[in-house]
Structure formats: C-alpha cells, structure tokens
Amino acid sequence: MADQHDVPRIALNSGYDIPQLGYGVFKVPPAETEKVVLEALELGYRHIDTAAIYGNEEGVGAAIAKSGIPRDEIFLTTKLWNDRQGGDEPRAALEESLTKLGVDYVDLYLIHWPAPANGTFVNAWKQLAALNEGEAIRSIGVSNFLVEHLEAIHGETGVLPAVNQIELHPAYQQRDVVAWCADHGVHIEAWGPLGQGKYDLFGVPAVHDAASAHDRTPAQVVLRWHIQKGNIVFPKSVKADRLRENFRIFDFALSDAEMSAIDAIDPGDGSGRVGAHPTELH
C-alpha cells in the first residue's frame, strides 16, 4: 500500500504545491462526509476537494479536526458558487466556508463555474485576487472555465489562476483548454476523471488491454494515465476498498504506446462530455 509520500506534488504559480492525487467529496451525503474523509486521511490522502454547493463542508472540517493531522499537512480546496460572485459576496462566501470547515485558511479557493449569463465572473476573479493578498487563501483558481473565460479574467486583471478544474477523462480531453493552460502555467485539475460511470470507458480496448498488461483495474489505468499527463485528480468514492485502490497507482507506469492509445479515445468533437456545458450552467 502506498502512503502520502508516494504522491507527487506539483508546484503552482502561487508558490505553493499541491498533491497530485486527492479525494473529492462531490455528491458525498453530508451525513457520511466526516466518516469517509476520515477514512481517506487514514489511508494517506492529504488533498481534499469540496465546495460550498456540495453542502458537506462541515463534515470535511470535522474529519480534518478529528484526524489529528497537522493542518499544514492537508491541502484543502473549496469553491465559490455562482450566486455569490457579485459585489463583495465572494468575501462573505469565503468567510462562511471557513467557518463551516473550521479552519483559518483554505489552500485553494476556486470560482466554481463562469456562469457567463450572470456577467459576474470577472468581478469574482478581481475579488479573489484581492482576497489572495490576505491570509485566508493560499492559492486561487477557477473551475469549468473555457479559453474565452480564461482570457477575460487574465485580460482584466493580469492575474492567472493557479489551476483550472475541468471535466476531463479519456473520452473528453478538452485539448484547447489544456493547451491554453499549459502555455500560461496554469495546472489542470480533472474532475470526473473516470467519466462518472456515464459511459463504458472500461470496455474500451485501450483501457482494457493496459489493465490486463499491468494486472490492474481499468480505474487504476485511467488514473495512472491522468498522473502521467500531469493532471491533478481527486476521484470520489464512499467505499474504503475503492479509496485504497485509487491510491495504488504509483508503483507502475503506462508505456508511450499505452498512453497514446488512451489519448486516441477522444474523437475531439465534444461528444464525450458527461457534465454541464460551462456556457449553459448559471
């Protein structure tokens, strides 16, 4: 079994670094959150990703407190929801999240969606940039931003996000967004790294063949593909055995041919997207 020391850390443009593998609590019921986050921490996870809209920040905070792990050894992310982007709302929303989490700071604070129809994401980015000058946030970033949204916030402020957290899995690789981020020193966090079970990723020969070759599960192969691509991932599960399985991806490597075969799964036409489109969710 791997431990937290096996997880690579990626240097962000903020001067801080982030564990490349973490644990996400999207759709984890609030009543179960403390238990499963505590299990993840006990297994060696040191990167937890939550959001205000998930309704489970209190459970995340309770698990961190109960774990006994020093706060500075845990990388904690939460997110600003769409209806809190205007005016001074980002500051108030951050304070509410800190209270629910029971911490003095978050390591990463993200704008959850651009919600362009609301016309407030640039204001939200300006507010996060100002908040980032204090002690309550270590790094700031965005989630679900397309190139047009990234160019808008950068053009208005000159401030680049540390990360862009986007839907990314073998069937939907968002190559234009990834290329822009690579050119500007913005790291990619992949949400739904396994496609959220919404299509038969594991039935694809490229994944199945690699899993057979390495005596690993298809999920481990796909997570390893992300790691070798340089993506930051935080798969979600409420099962301890799956948490353990997801952590066991640092003692093997995919070949160049296996990586290329998985790269080729996405036809590039956007048909593999399983989540909401960033221009449509508000």
C-alpha atoms as a PDB file:
ATOM      1  CA  MET A   1       0.000   0.000   0.000  1.00  0.00           C
ATOM      2  CA  ALA A   2       1.289   3.440  -0.946  1.00  0.00           C
ATOM      3  CA  ASP A   3       1.404   6.287   1.537  1.00  0.00           C
ATOM      4  CA  GLN A   4       1.188  10.050   1.233  1.00  0.00           C
ATOM      5  CA  HIS A   5       4.890  10.306   0.500  1.00  0.00           C
ATOM      6  CA  ASP A   6       4.382   8.438  -2.785  1.00  0.00           C
ATOM      7  CA  VAL A   7       2.024  11.099  -4.149  1.00  0.00           C
ATOM      8  CA  PRO A   8       3.848  13.586  -6.405  1.00  0.00           C
ATOM      9  CA  ARG A   9       3.444  17.252  -5.551  1.00  0.00           C
ATOM     10  CA  ILE A  10       3.004  19.837  -8.280  1.00  0.00           C
ATOM     11  CA  ALA A  11       4.353  23.363  -7.939  1.00  0.00           C
ATOM     12  CA  LEU A  12       1.709  26.013  -8.572  1.00  0.00           C
ATOM     13  CA  ASN A  13       2.298  29.541  -9.899  1.00  0.00           C
ATOM     14  CA  SER A  14       1.317  30.832  -6.441  1.00  0.00           C
ATOM     15  CA  GLY A  15       4.492  29.442  -4.898  1.00  0.00           C
ATOM     16  CA  TYR A  16       2.667  26.599  -3.124  1.00  0.00           C
ATOM     17  CA  ASP A  17       2.438  22.983  -4.199  1.00  0.00           C
ATOM     18  CA  ILE A  18      -0.442  20.532  -4.372  1.00  0.00           C
ATOM     19  CA  PRO A  19      -0.603  16.734  -4.027  1.00  0.00           C
ATOM     20  CA  GLN A  20      -1.372  15.358  -7.487  1.00  0.00           C
ATOM     21  CA  LEU A  21      -3.864  12.820  -6.103  1.00  0.00           C
ATOM     22  CA  GLY A  22      -6.616  13.811  -3.727  1.00  0.00           C
ATOM     23  CA  TYR A  23     -10.092  12.883  -2.574  1.00  0.00           C
ATOM     24  CA  GLY A  24     -13.204  14.649  -3.862  1.00  0.00           C
ATOM     25  CA  VAL A  25     -16.490  14.809  -1.960  1.00  0.00           C
ATOM     26  CA  PHE A  26     -18.864  15.775  -4.788  1.00  0.00           C
ATOM     27  CA  LYS A  27     -22.244  14.112  -4.066  1.00  0.00           C
ATOM     28  CA  VAL A  28     -20.985  12.586  -0.809  1.00  0.00           C
ATOM     29  CA  PRO A  29     -24.008  12.887   1.526  1.00  0.00           C
ATOM     30  CA  PRO A  30     -23.342  15.353   4.356  1.00  0.00           C
ATOM     31  CA  ALA A  31     -24.155  12.688   6.948  1.00  0.00           C
ATOM     32  CA  GLU A  32     -21.435  10.409   5.533  1.00  0.00           C
ATOM     33  CA  THR A  33     -18.786  13.013   4.794  1.00  0.00           C
ATOM     34  CA  GLU A  34     -16.943  13.016   8.116  1.00  0.00           C
ATOM     35  CA  LYS A  35     -16.621   9.225   8.080  1.00  0.00           C
ATOM     36  CA  VAL A  36     -15.360   8.868   4.501  1.00  0.00           C
ATOM     37  CA  VAL A  37     -12.990  11.829   4.642  1.00  0.00           C
ATOM     38  CA  LEU A  38     -11.521  10.467   7.865  1.00  0.00           C
ATOM     39  CA  GLU A  39     -11.037   7.100   6.134  1.00  0.00           C
ATOM     40  CA  ALA A  40      -9.306   8.835   3.220  1.00  0.00           C
ATOM     41  CA  LEU A  41      -6.984  10.702   5.564  1.00  0.00           C
ATOM     42  CA  GLU A  42      -6.175   7.499   7.441  1.00  0.00           C
ATOM     43  CA  LEU A  43      -5.291   5.824   4.137  1.00  0.00           C
ATOM     44  CA  GLY A  44      -2.807   8.600   3.342  1.00  0.00           C
ATOM     45  CA  TYR A  45      -4.768  11.131   1.300  1.00  0.00           C
ATOM     46  CA  ARG A  46      -3.654  14.677   2.068  1.00  0.00           C
ATOM     47  CA  HIS A  47      -5.650  16.619  -0.527  1.00  0.00           C
ATOM     48  CA  ILE A  48      -9.404  17.129  -0.034  1.00  0.00           C
ATOM     49  CA  ASP A  49     -11.643  18.876  -2.577  1.00  0.00           C
ATOM     50  CA  THR A  50     -15.056  20.215  -1.544  1.00  0.00           C
ATOM     51  CA  ALA A  51     -17.340  23.140  -2.449  1.00  0.00           C
ATOM     52  CA  ALA A  52     -19.931  25.322  -0.783  1.00  0.00           C
ATOM     53  CA  ILE A  53     -22.672  23.971  -3.045  1.00  0.00           C
ATOM     54  CA  TYR A  54     -21.926  20.373  -2.000  1.00  0.00           C
ATOM     55  CA  GLY A  55     -23.356  21.072   1.452  1.00  0.00           C
ATOM     56  CA  ASN A  56     -20.717  18.980   3.192  1.00  0.00           C
ATOM     57  CA  GLU A  57     -18.013  21.436   4.243  1.00  0.00           C
ATOM     58  CA  GLU A  58     -18.867  20.857   7.916  1.00  0.00           C
ATOM     59  CA  GLY A  59     -18.201  17.133   7.547  1.00  0.00           C
ATOM     60  CA  VAL A  60     -14.887  17.768   5.834  1.00  0.00           C
ATOM     61  CA  GLY A  61     -13.842  20.122   8.613  1.00  0.00           C
ATOM     62  CA  ALA A  62     -14.915  17.690  11.323  1.00  0.00           C
ATOM     63  CA  ALA A  63     -12.843  14.918   9.745  1.00  0.00           C
ATOM     64  CA  ILE A  64      -9.772  17.125   9.493  1.00  0.00           C
ATOM     65  CA  ALA A  65     -10.117  18.113  13.155  1.00  0.00           C
ATOM     66  CA  LYS A  66     -10.687  14.541  14.317  1.00  0.00           C
ATOM     67  CA  SER A  67      -7.795  13.147  12.235  1.00  0.00           C
ATOM     68  CA  GLY A  68      -5.156  14.807  14.401  1.00  0.00           C
ATOM     69  CA  ILE A  69      -3.130  15.527  11.247  1.00  0.00           C
ATOM     70  CA  PRO A  70      -1.488  18.973  11.358  1.00  0.00           C
ATOM     71  CA  ARG A  71      -3.435  21.479   9.270  1.00  0.00           C
ATOM     72  CA  ASP A  72      -0.389  22.363   7.189  1.00  0.00           C
ATOM     73  CA  GLU A  73      -0.101  18.750   6.008  1.00  0.00           C
ATOM     74  CA  ILE A  74      -3.545  18.816   4.372  1.00  0.00           C
ATOM     75  CA  PHE A  75      -4.272  20.613   1.103  1.00  0.00           C
ATOM     76  CA  LEU A  76      -7.874  21.838   1.283  1.00  0.00           C
ATOM     77  CA  THR A  77      -9.926  23.229  -1.605  1.00  0.00           C
ATOM     78  CA  THR A  78     -13.382  24.768  -1.615  1.00  0.00           C
ATOM     79  CA  LYS A  79     -15.320  26.796  -4.180  1.00  0.00           C
ATOM     80  CA  LEU A  80     -17.395  29.923  -4.659  1.00  0.00           C
ATOM     81  CA  TRP A  81     -20.890  29.247  -6.015  1.00  0.00           C
ATOM     82  CA  ASN A  82     -22.426  31.129  -8.923  1.00  0.00           C
ATOM     83  CA  ASP A  83     -24.881  33.267  -6.956  1.00  0.00           C
ATOM     84  CA  ARG A  84     -22.103  34.646  -4.739  1.00  0.00           C
ATOM     85  CA  GLN A  85     -19.942  36.164  -7.498  1.00  0.00           C
ATOM     86  CA  GLY A  86     -21.319  39.721  -7.469  1.00  0.00           C
ATOM     87  CA  GLY A  87     -20.221  42.731  -5.439  1.00  0.00           C
ATOM     88  CA  ASP A  88     -18.491  41.827  -2.177  1.00  0.00           C
ATOM     89  CA  GLU A  89     -20.235  38.470  -1.939  1.00  0.00           C
ATOM     90  CA  PRO A  90     -17.050  36.427  -2.544  1.00  0.00           C
ATOM     91  CA  ARG A  91     -15.602  37.713   0.724  1.00  0.00           C
ATOM     92  CA  ALA A  92     -18.725  36.809   2.679  1.00  0.00           C
ATOM     93  CA  ALA A  93     -18.922  33.397   0.987  1.00  0.00           C
ATOM     94  CA  LEU A  94     -15.300  32.655   1.844  1.00  0.00           C
ATOM     95  CA  GLU A  95     -15.858  33.556   5.497  1.00  0.00           C
ATOM     96  CA  GLU A  96     -18.883  31.243   5.611  1.00  0.00           C
ATOM     97  CA  SER A  97     -16.858  28.380   4.118  1.00  0.00           C
ATOM     98  CA  LEU A  98     -14.014  28.919   6.581  1.00  0.00           C
ATOM     99  CA  THR A  99     -16.497  28.807   9.459  1.00  0.00           C
ATOM    100  CA  LYS A 100     -18.118  25.606   8.199  1.00  0.00           C
ATOM    101  CA  LEU A 101     -14.729  23.994   7.600  1.00  0.00           C
ATOM    102  CA  GLY A 102     -13.442  25.139  10.991  1.00  0.00           C
ATOM    103  CA  VAL A 103     -10.156  26.390   9.533  1.00  0.00           C
ATOM    104  CA  ASP A 104      -8.317  29.706   9.306  1.00  0.00           C
ATOM    105  CA  TYR A 105      -7.418  29.335   5.636  1.00  0.00           C
ATOM    106  CA  VAL A 106      -8.001  27.232   2.547  1.00  0.00           C
ATOM    107  CA  ASP A 107      -5.153  26.157   0.332  1.00  0.00           C
ATOM    108  CA  LEU A 108      -7.137  26.754  -2.842  1.00  0.00           C
ATOM    109  CA  TYR A 109     -10.279  28.787  -3.495  1.00  0.00           C
ATOM    110  CA  LEU A 110     -11.978  28.394  -6.867  1.00  0.00           C
ATOM    111  CA  ILE A 111     -14.702  30.139  -8.826  1.00  0.00           C
ATOM    112  CA  HIS A 112     -16.924  27.098  -9.349  1.00  0.00           C
ATOM    113  CA  TRP A 113     -18.379  27.997 -12.776  1.00  0.00           C
ATOM    114  CA  PRO A 114     -18.012  31.020 -15.057  1.00  0.00           C
ATOM    115  CA  ALA A 115     -21.830  31.308 -15.359  1.00  0.00           C
ATOM    116  CA  PRO A 116     -21.334  33.862 -18.157  1.00  0.00           C
ATOM    117  CA  ALA A 117     -25.012  34.819 -18.411  1.00  0.00           C
ATOM    118  CA  ASN A 118     -24.755  36.262 -14.903  1.00  0.00           C
ATOM    119  CA  GLY A 119     -21.976  38.610 -16.003  1.00  0.00           C
ATOM    120  CA  THR A 120     -20.180  38.404 -12.646  1.00  0.00           C
ATOM    121  CA  PHE A 121     -17.236  36.026 -13.028  1.00  0.00           C
ATOM    122  CA  VAL A 122     -14.729  38.811 -13.804  1.00  0.00           C
ATOM    123  CA  ASN A 123     -15.826  40.658 -10.667  1.00  0.00           C
ATOM    124  CA  ALA A 124     -15.478  37.433  -8.705  1.00  0.00           C
ATOM    125  CA  TRP A 125     -11.939  36.970 -10.022  1.00  0.00           C
ATOM    126  CA  LYS A 126     -10.997  40.521  -9.028  1.00  0.00           C
ATOM    127  CA  GLN A 127     -12.376  39.831  -5.553  1.00  0.00           C
ATOM    128  CA  LEU A 128     -10.436  36.551  -5.240  1.00  0.00           C
ATOM    129  CA  ALA A 129      -7.251  38.287  -6.354  1.00  0.00           C
ATOM    130  CA  ALA A 130      -7.734  40.863  -3.592  1.00  0.00           C
ATOM    131  CA  LEU A 131      -8.583  38.213  -1.005  1.00  0.00           C
ATOM    132  CA  ASN A 132      -5.479  36.289  -2.018  1.00  0.00           C
ATOM    133  CA  GLU A 133      -3.384  39.128  -0.630  1.00  0.00           C
ATOM    134  CA  GLY A 134      -4.555  38.197   2.870  1.00  0.00           C
ATOM    135  CA  GLU A 135      -4.028  35.091   4.975  1.00  0.00           C
ATOM    136  CA  ALA A 136      -7.292  33.232   4.336  1.00  0.00           C
ATOM    137  CA  ILE A 137      -6.332  31.844   0.910  1.00  0.00           C
ATOM    138  CA  ARG A 138      -3.029  30.351  -0.227  1.00  0.00           C
ATOM    139  CA  SER A 139      -3.867  29.996  -3.955  1.00  0.00           C
ATOM    140  CA  ILE A 140      -6.758  30.997  -6.203  1.00  0.00           C
ATOM    141  CA  GLY A 141      -8.110  29.316  -9.295  1.00  0.00           C
ATOM    142  CA  VAL A 142     -11.137  28.597 -11.427  1.00  0.00           C
ATOM    143  CA  SER A 143     -13.280  25.659 -12.400  1.00  0.00           C
ATOM    144  CA  ASN A 144     -15.038  24.869 -15.676  1.00  0.00           C
ATOM    145  CA  PHE A 145     -13.513  27.863 -17.453  1.00  0.00           C
ATOM    146  CA  LEU A 146     -13.150  27.748 -21.233  1.00  0.00           C
ATOM    147  CA  VAL A 147     -10.472  29.681 -23.111  1.00  0.00           C
ATOM    148  CA  GLU A 148     -12.768  32.692 -23.579  1.00  0.00           C
ATOM    149  CA  HIS A 149     -13.355  32.913 -19.829  1.00  0.00           C
ATOM    150  CA  LEU A 150      -9.678  32.469 -19.006  1.00  0.00           C
ATOM    151  CA  GLU A 151      -8.727  35.221 -21.438  1.00  0.00           C
ATOM    152  CA  ALA A 152     -11.353  37.521 -19.942  1.00  0.00           C
ATOM    153  CA  ILE A 153     -10.098  37.262 -16.363  1.00  0.00           C
ATOM    154  CA  HIS A 154      -6.451  37.433 -17.378  1.00  0.00           C
ATOM    155  CA  GLY A 155      -7.067  40.384 -19.664  1.00  0.00           C
ATOM    156  CA  GLU A 156      -8.923  42.313 -16.953  1.00  0.00           C
ATOM    157  CA  THR A 157      -6.533  41.630 -14.077  1.00  0.00           C
ATOM    158  CA  GLY A 158      -3.240  40.270 -15.370  1.00  0.00           C
ATOM    159  CA  VAL A 159      -3.660  37.548 -12.727  1.00  0.00           C
ATOM    160  CA  LEU A 160      -3.556  33.916 -13.820  1.00  0.00           C
ATOM    161  CA  PRO A 161      -5.310  31.148 -11.893  1.00  0.00           C
ATOM    162  CA  ALA A 162      -3.144  28.528 -10.221  1.00  0.00           C
ATOM    163  CA  VAL A 163      -5.426  25.797 -11.575  1.00  0.00           C
ATOM    164  CA  ASN A 164      -8.404  25.284 -13.845  1.00  0.00           C
ATOM    165  CA  GLN A 165     -10.555  22.412 -12.613  1.00  0.00           C
ATOM    166  CA  ILE A 166     -12.415  20.983 -15.615  1.00  0.00           C
ATOM    167  CA  GLU A 167     -14.258  17.873 -16.718  1.00  0.00           C
ATOM    168  CA  LEU A 168     -11.509  15.726 -18.194  1.00  0.00           C
ATOM    169  CA  HIS A 169     -11.347  11.998 -18.872  1.00  0.00           C
ATOM    170  CA  PRO A 170     -10.188   9.869 -21.807  1.00  0.00           C
ATOM    171  CA  ALA A 171     -13.388  10.447 -23.799  1.00  0.00           C
ATOM    172  CA  TYR A 172     -13.390  14.218 -23.232  1.00  0.00           C
ATOM    173  CA  GLN A 173      -9.945  15.793 -23.047  1.00  0.00           C
ATOM    174  CA  GLN A 174     -10.640  19.497 -23.741  1.00  0.00           C
ATOM    175  CA  ARG A 175      -7.393  19.852 -25.662  1.00  0.00           C
ATOM    176  CA  ASP A 176      -7.871  23.562 -26.458  1.00  0.00           C
ATOM    177  CA  VAL A 177      -8.326  24.471 -22.786  1.00  0.00           C
ATOM    178  CA  VAL A 178      -5.427  22.224 -21.749  1.00  0.00           C
ATOM    179  CA  ALA A 179      -3.149  23.826 -24.349  1.00  0.00           C
ATOM    180  CA  TRP A 180      -4.026  27.369 -23.215  1.00  0.00           C
ATOM    181  CA  CYS A 181      -3.379  26.465 -19.603  1.00  0.00           C
ATOM    182  CA  ALA A 182      -0.067  24.792 -20.452  1.00  0.00           C
ATOM    183  CA  ASP A 183       1.040  27.904 -22.356  1.00  0.00           C
ATOM    184  CA  HIS A 184       0.201  30.118 -19.371  1.00  0.00           C
ATOM    185  CA  GLY A 185       1.483  27.985 -16.496  1.00  0.00           C
ATOM    186  CA  VAL A 186      -1.970  27.035 -15.225  1.00  0.00           C
ATOM    187  CA  HIS A 187      -2.316  23.453 -13.981  1.00  0.00           C
ATOM    188  CA  ILE A 188      -5.247  21.231 -14.874  1.00  0.00           C
ATOM    189  CA  GLU A 189      -7.360  19.526 -12.241  1.00  0.00           C
ATOM    190  CA  ALA A 190      -9.535  16.803 -13.769  1.00  0.00           C
ATOM    191  CA  TRP A 191     -12.972  16.338 -12.275  1.00  0.00           C
ATOM    192  CA  GLY A 192     -14.893  13.225 -13.249  1.00  0.00           C
ATOM    193  CA  PRO A 193     -11.546  11.614 -14.142  1.00  0.00           C
ATOM    194  CA  LEU A 194     -13.231   8.260 -14.800  1.00  0.00           C
ATOM    195  CA  GLY A 195     -16.198   9.712 -16.682  1.00  0.00           C
ATOM    196  CA  GLN A 196     -18.509   9.396 -13.651  1.00  0.00           C
ATOM    197  CA  GLY A 197     -19.594   5.961 -14.844  1.00  0.00           C
ATOM    198  CA  LYS A 198     -21.762   7.560 -17.520  1.00  0.00           C
ATOM    199  CA  TYR A 199     -20.254   5.630 -20.421  1.00  0.00           C
ATOM    200  CA  ASP A 200     -18.443   2.339 -20.871  1.00  0.00           C
ATOM    201  CA  LEU A 201     -14.912   3.678 -20.556  1.00  0.00           C
ATOM    202  CA  PHE A 202     -13.703   0.411 -19.116  1.00  0.00           C
ATOM    203  CA  GLY A 203     -14.965  -1.501 -22.147  1.00  0.00           C
ATOM    204  CA  VAL A 204     -12.631   0.446 -24.431  1.00  0.00           C
ATOM    205  CA  PRO A 205      -9.828  -1.829 -25.709  1.00  0.00           C
ATOM    206  CA  ALA A 206      -7.071   0.697 -24.923  1.00  0.00           C
ATOM    207  CA  VAL A 207      -8.048   0.724 -21.245  1.00  0.00           C
ATOM    208  CA  HIS A 208      -8.884  -2.968 -21.004  1.00  0.00           C
ATOM    209  CA  ASP A 209      -5.626  -4.032 -22.666  1.00  0.00           C
ATOM    210  CA  ALA A 210      -3.485  -1.848 -20.411  1.00  0.00           C
ATOM    211  CA  ALA A 211      -5.293  -3.117 -17.332  1.00  0.00           C
ATOM    212  CA  SER A 212      -4.616  -6.712 -18.400  1.00  0.00           C
ATOM    213  CA  ALA A 213      -0.976  -5.980 -19.189  1.00  0.00           C
ATOM    214  CA  HIS A 214      -0.294  -4.437 -15.772  1.00  0.00           C
ATOM    215  CA  ASP A 215      -2.655  -6.622 -13.724  1.00  0.00           C
ATOM    216  CA  ARG A 216      -4.531  -3.531 -12.585  1.00  0.00           C
ATOM    217  CA  THR A 217      -8.133  -2.416 -12.664  1.00  0.00           C
ATOM    218  CA  PRO A 218      -9.333  -0.210 -15.526  1.00  0.00           C
ATOM    219  CA  ALA A 219      -9.867   2.605 -12.993  1.00  0.00           C
ATOM    220  CA  GLN A 220      -6.234   2.396 -11.886  1.00  0.00           C
ATOM    221  CA  VAL A 221      -5.097   2.535 -15.504  1.00  0.00           C
ATOM    222  CA  VAL A 222      -7.146   5.654 -16.239  1.00  0.00           C
ATOM    223  CA  LEU A 223      -5.966   7.382 -13.064  1.00  0.00           C
ATOM    224  CA  ARG A 224      -2.390   6.480 -13.964  1.00  0.00           C
ATOM    225  CA  TRP A 225      -2.966   7.992 -17.430  1.00  0.00           C
ATOM    226  CA  HIS A 226      -4.008  11.241 -15.725  1.00  0.00           C
ATOM    227  CA  ILE A 227      -0.957  11.210 -13.467  1.00  0.00           C
ATOM    228  CA  GLN A 228       1.389  10.724 -16.413  1.00  0.00           C
ATOM    229  CA  LYS A 229      -0.394  13.507 -18.325  1.00  0.00           C
ATOM    230  CA  GLY A 230       0.340  15.813 -15.389  1.00  0.00           C
ATOM    231  CA  ASN A 231      -3.305  16.221 -14.384  1.00  0.00           C
ATOM    232  CA  ILE A 232      -4.286  16.667 -10.743  1.00  0.00           C
ATOM    233  CA  VAL A 233      -7.038  14.182  -9.850  1.00  0.00           C
ATOM    234  CA  PHE A 234      -9.350  13.579  -6.896  1.00  0.00           C
ATOM    235  CA  PRO A 235     -11.643  10.631  -7.616  1.00  0.00           C
ATOM    236  CA  LYS A 236     -14.687  10.272  -5.376  1.00  0.00           C
ATOM    237  CA  SER A 237     -15.840   7.109  -3.650  1.00  0.00           C
ATOM    238  CA  VAL A 238     -17.516   6.277  -0.357  1.00  0.00           C
ATOM    239  CA  LYS A 239     -16.034   2.766  -0.249  1.00  0.00           C
ATOM    240  CA  ALA A 240     -12.795   2.192   1.657  1.00  0.00           C
ATOM    241  CA  ASP A 241     -11.627  -0.529  -0.742  1.00  0.00           C
ATOM    242  CA  ARG A 242     -12.054   1.817  -3.705  1.00  0.00           C
ATOM    243  CA  LEU A 243     -10.233   4.602  -1.858  1.00  0.00           C
ATOM    244  CA  ARG A 244      -7.397   2.164  -1.293  1.00  0.00           C
ATOM    245  CA  GLU A 245      -7.430   1.007  -4.929  1.00  0.00           C
ATOM    246  CA  ASN A 246      -7.336   4.582  -6.242  1.00  0.00           C
ATOM    247  CA  PHE A 247      -4.269   5.273  -4.111  1.00  0.00           C
ATOM    248  CA  ARG A 248      -2.347   2.336  -5.584  1.00  0.00           C
ATOM    249  CA  ILE A 249      -1.288   3.943  -8.863  1.00  0.00           C
ATOM    250  CA  PHE A 250       2.288   4.973  -8.149  1.00  0.00           C
ATOM    251  CA  ASP A 251       4.052   1.615  -8.455  1.00  0.00           C
ATOM    252  CA  PHE A 252       3.537   1.075 -12.190  1.00  0.00           C
ATOM    253  CA  ALA A 253       3.739   3.133 -15.371  1.00  0.00           C
ATOM    254  CA  LEU A 254       1.997   3.053 -18.731  1.00  0.00           C
ATOM    255  CA  SER A 255       4.131   2.800 -21.848  1.00  0.00           C
ATOM    256  CA  ASP A 256       4.177   5.510 -24.504  1.00  0.00           C
ATOM    257  CA  ALA A 257       2.078   3.246 -26.733  1.00  0.00           C
ATOM    258  CA  GLU A 258      -0.491   2.686 -23.978  1.00  0.00           C
ATOM    259  CA  MET A 259      -0.658   6.412 -23.279  1.00  0.00           C
ATOM    260  CA  SER A 260      -1.161   7.185 -26.971  1.00  0.00           C
ATOM    261  CA  ALA A 261      -3.897   4.572 -27.281  1.00  0.00           C
ATOM    262  CA  ILE A 262      -5.812   6.147 -24.391  1.00  0.00           C
ATOM    263  CA  ASP A 263      -5.198   9.631 -25.822  1.00  0.00           C
ATOM    264  CA  ALA A 264      -6.895   8.466 -29.011  1.00  0.00           C
ATOM    265  CA  ILE A 265     -10.162   7.571 -27.243  1.00  0.00           C
ATOM    266  CA  ASP A 266     -11.419  11.157 -27.532  1.00  0.00           C
ATOM    267  CA  PRO A 267     -12.524  11.900 -31.125  1.00  0.00           C
ATOM    268  CA  GLY A 268     -12.214  15.616 -30.408  1.00  0.00           C
ATOM    269  CA  ASP A 269     -15.816  16.501 -31.262  1.00  0.00           C
ATOM    270  CA  GLY A 270     -17.034  17.050 -27.700  1.00  0.00           C
ATOM    271  CA  SER A 271     -19.316  14.033 -27.755  1.00  0.00           C
ATOM    272  CA  GLY A 272     -17.723  12.537 -24.646  1.00  0.00           C
ATOM    273  CA  ARG A 273     -18.795  15.311 -22.287  1.00  0.00           C
ATOM    274  CA  VAL A 274     -20.939  13.977 -19.422  1.00  0.00           C
ATOM    275  CA  GLY A 275     -21.372  17.139 -17.328  1.00  0.00           C
ATOM    276  CA  ALA A 276     -22.962  20.549 -17.895  1.00  0.00           C
ATOM    277  CA  HIS A 277     -21.557  22.859 -20.542  1.00  0.00           C
ATOM    278  CA  PRO A 278     -19.762  25.851 -18.951  1.00  0.00           C
ATOM    279  CA  THR A 279     -21.695  28.396 -21.020  1.00  0.00           C
ATOM    280  CA  GLU A 280     -25.059  26.924 -20.037  1.00  0.00           C
ATOM    281  CA  LEU A 281     -24.904  26.451 -16.257  1.00  0.00           C
ATOM    282  CA  HIS A 282     -25.780  29.557 -14.251  1.00  0.00           C
END
